[in-house]
Amino acid sequence: MEHLKGYKYTTEEKAKAAVKACNDYYLSNTKKGDTTKNWVRYQKELNKSSFIPSFVYNLINKKFFFYIIHNNSLNVVLGDPTEIKIVSEDII
């Protein structure tokens, strides 16, 4: 299990909106041909208990959450981060 600071979203649409907000804030002056396309990206994680093998939980619930790992530059757009618990894949 890993604990990290970041921003947690219950839907992919909310995570995409957060990415868009960061891009709009930081990349508003980019020009066509610039190499930077995104300021931040989100990741998908299974929202599960550490006591249930992930493949079983996924088959039953199919519930995920989406998160962005904190960086100080994101505070101005996304606010203060929270602690997020990431449960790594179970080894069978």
C-alpha atoms as a PDB file:
ATOM      1  CA  MET A   1       0.000   0.000   0.000  1.00  0.00           C
ATOM      2  CA  GLU A   2       1.275   3.428  -0.901  1.00  0.00           C
ATOM      3  CA  HIS A   3       0.198   6.802   0.472  1.00  0.00           C
ATOM      4  CA  LEU A   4       0.716   9.886  -1.644  1.00  0.00           C
ATOM      5  CA  LYS A   5      -0.522  13.445  -1.852  1.00  0.00           C
ATOM      6  CA  GLY A   6      -2.702  14.346  -4.749  1.00  0.00           C
ATOM      7  CA  TYR A   7      -6.169  14.981  -6.104  1.00  0.00           C
ATOM      8  CA  LYS A   8      -8.739  12.170  -6.228  1.00  0.00           C
ATOM      9  CA  TYR A   9     -11.745  12.047  -8.566  1.00  0.00           C
ATOM     10  CA  THR A  10     -14.654   9.620  -8.640  1.00  0.00           C
ATOM     11  CA  THR A  11     -15.224   9.897 -12.388  1.00  0.00           C
ATOM     12  CA  GLU A  12     -12.967  10.118 -15.399  1.00  0.00           C
ATOM     13  CA  GLU A  13     -14.861  13.206 -16.557  1.00  0.00           C
ATOM     14  CA  LYS A  14     -13.876  15.068 -13.356  1.00  0.00           C
ATOM     15  CA  ALA A  15     -10.231  14.010 -13.774  1.00  0.00           C
ATOM     16  CA  LYS A  16     -10.259  15.216 -17.393  1.00  0.00           C
ATOM     17  CA  ALA A  17     -11.779  18.524 -16.275  1.00  0.00           C
ATOM     18  CA  ALA A  18      -8.948  18.970 -13.739  1.00  0.00           C
ATOM     19  CA  VAL A  19      -6.355  18.270 -16.441  1.00  0.00           C
ATOM     20  CA  LYS A  20      -8.079  20.761 -18.738  1.00  0.00           C
ATOM     21  CA  ALA A  21      -8.086  23.406 -15.996  1.00  0.00           C
ATOM     22  CA  CYS A  22      -4.329  22.949 -15.500  1.00  0.00           C
ATOM     23  CA  ASN A  23      -3.696  23.035 -19.233  1.00  0.00           C
ATOM     24  CA  ASP A  24      -5.824  26.154 -19.652  1.00  0.00           C
ATOM     25  CA  TYR A  25      -3.947  27.881 -16.836  1.00  0.00           C
ATOM     26  CA  TYR A  26      -0.386  26.912 -17.753  1.00  0.00           C
ATOM     27  CA  LEU A  27      -0.508  26.321 -21.491  1.00  0.00           C
ATOM     28  CA  SER A  28      -2.717  29.175 -22.646  1.00  0.00           C
ATOM     29  CA  ASN A  29       0.171  30.812 -24.519  1.00  0.00           C
ATOM     30  CA  THR A  30       1.429  27.749 -26.400  1.00  0.00           C
ATOM     31  CA  LYS A  31       1.759  27.939 -30.129  1.00  0.00           C
ATOM     32  CA  LYS A  32       1.130  25.342 -32.801  1.00  0.00           C
ATOM     33  CA  GLY A  33       4.185  23.096 -32.999  1.00  0.00           C
ATOM     34  CA  ASP A  34       5.090  23.413 -29.305  1.00  0.00           C
ATOM     35  CA  THR A  35       6.037  20.066 -27.799  1.00  0.00           C
ATOM     36  CA  THR A  36       4.248  20.438 -24.437  1.00  0.00           C
ATOM     37  CA  LYS A  37       0.681  19.184 -24.820  1.00  0.00           C
ATOM     38  CA  ASN A  38      -0.365  18.563 -21.197  1.00  0.00           C
ATOM     39  CA  TRP A  39       0.770  20.122 -17.951  1.00  0.00           C
ATOM     40  CA  VAL A  40      -0.502  17.180 -15.888  1.00  0.00           C
ATOM     41  CA  ARG A  41      -2.089  13.773 -16.412  1.00  0.00           C
ATOM     42  CA  TYR A  42      -4.357  11.571 -14.352  1.00  0.00           C
ATOM     43  CA  GLN A  43      -4.050   7.908 -13.490  1.00  0.00           C
ATOM     44  CA  LYS A  44      -6.635   5.203 -12.864  1.00  0.00           C
ATOM     45  CA  GLU A  45      -6.647   3.012  -9.754  1.00  0.00           C
ATOM     46  CA  LEU A  46      -8.882   0.235  -8.516  1.00  0.00           C
ATOM     47  CA  ASN A  47     -10.865   1.415  -5.492  1.00  0.00           C
ATOM     48  CA  LYS A  48     -10.701  -1.701  -3.355  1.00  0.00           C
ATOM     49  CA  SER A  49      -9.917  -3.233  -0.022  1.00  0.00           C
ATOM     50  CA  SER A  50      -6.447  -4.630   0.528  1.00  0.00           C
ATOM     51  CA  PHE A  51      -8.056  -7.870   1.752  1.00  0.00           C
ATOM     52  CA  ILE A  52      -9.699  -8.827  -1.546  1.00  0.00           C
ATOM     53  CA  PRO A  53      -7.628  -9.913  -4.577  1.00  0.00           C
ATOM     54  CA  SER A  54      -7.923  -7.151  -7.158  1.00  0.00           C
ATOM     55  CA  PHE A  55      -9.139  -9.363 -10.004  1.00  0.00           C
ATOM     56  CA  VAL A  56     -12.050 -10.595  -7.816  1.00  0.00           C
ATOM     57  CA  TYR A  57     -12.992  -7.081  -6.716  1.00  0.00           C
ATOM     58  CA  ASN A  58     -12.804  -5.823 -10.275  1.00  0.00           C
ATOM     59  CA  LEU A  59     -15.116  -8.570 -11.529  1.00  0.00           C
ATOM     60  CA  ILE A  60     -17.657  -7.846  -8.799  1.00  0.00           C
ATOM     61  CA  ASN A  61     -17.654  -4.046  -8.578  1.00  0.00           C
ATOM     62  CA  LYS A  62     -15.650  -2.534 -11.428  1.00  0.00           C
ATOM     63  CA  LYS A  63     -15.136   0.615  -9.360  1.00  0.00           C
ATOM     64  CA  PHE A  64     -12.181   2.825 -10.052  1.00  0.00           C
ATOM     65  CA  PHE A  65     -11.033   6.234  -9.015  1.00  0.00           C
ATOM     66  CA  PHE A  66      -8.809   8.643 -10.854  1.00  0.00           C
ATOM     67  CA  TYR A  67      -6.004  10.675  -9.360  1.00  0.00           C
ATOM     68  CA  ILE A  68      -3.382  13.294 -10.092  1.00  0.00           C
ATOM     69  CA  ILE A  69      -0.138  13.215  -8.138  1.00  0.00           C
ATOM     70  CA  HIS A  70       0.539  16.472  -6.318  1.00  0.00           C
ATOM     71  CA  ASN A  71       3.055  19.016  -7.470  1.00  0.00           C
ATOM     72  CA  ASN A  72       3.320  22.454  -5.856  1.00  0.00           C
ATOM     73  CA  SER A  73       2.535  24.117  -9.187  1.00  0.00           C
ATOM     74  CA  LEU A  74      -0.942  22.540  -9.130  1.00  0.00           C
ATOM     75  CA  ASN A  75      -2.055  24.247  -5.901  1.00  0.00           C
ATOM     76  CA  VAL A  76      -2.979  27.460  -7.710  1.00  0.00           C
ATOM     77  CA  VAL A  77      -5.401  25.558  -9.984  1.00  0.00           C
ATOM     78  CA  LEU A  78      -6.539  22.507  -8.006  1.00  0.00           C
ATOM     79  CA  GLY A  79      -6.153  23.719  -4.419  1.00  0.00           C
ATOM     80  CA  ASP A  80      -4.676  21.804  -1.524  1.00  0.00           C
ATOM     81  CA  PRO A  81      -3.954  18.107  -2.078  1.00  0.00           C
ATOM     82  CA  THR A  82      -5.272  15.258   0.041  1.00  0.00           C
ATOM     83  CA  GLU A  83      -3.721  11.956   1.025  1.00  0.00           C
ATOM     84  CA  ILE A  84      -4.553   9.141  -1.380  1.00  0.00           C
ATOM     85  CA  LYS A  85      -4.160   5.455  -0.571  1.00  0.00           C
ATOM     86  CA  ILE A  86      -3.010   3.290  -3.473  1.00  0.00           C
ATOM     87  CA  VAL A  87      -3.332  -0.462  -3.013  1.00  0.00           C
ATOM     88  CA  SER A  88      -0.886  -2.288  -5.268  1.00  0.00           C
ATOM     89  CA  GLU A  89      -1.944  -5.361  -7.199  1.00  0.00           C
ATOM     90  CA  ASP A  90      -2.184  -8.506  -5.107  1.00  0.00           C
ATOM     91  CA  ILE A  91       0.314 -11.251  -5.899  1.00  0.00           C
ATOM     92  CA  ILE A  92      -1.383 -14.602  -6.341  1.00  0.00           C
END
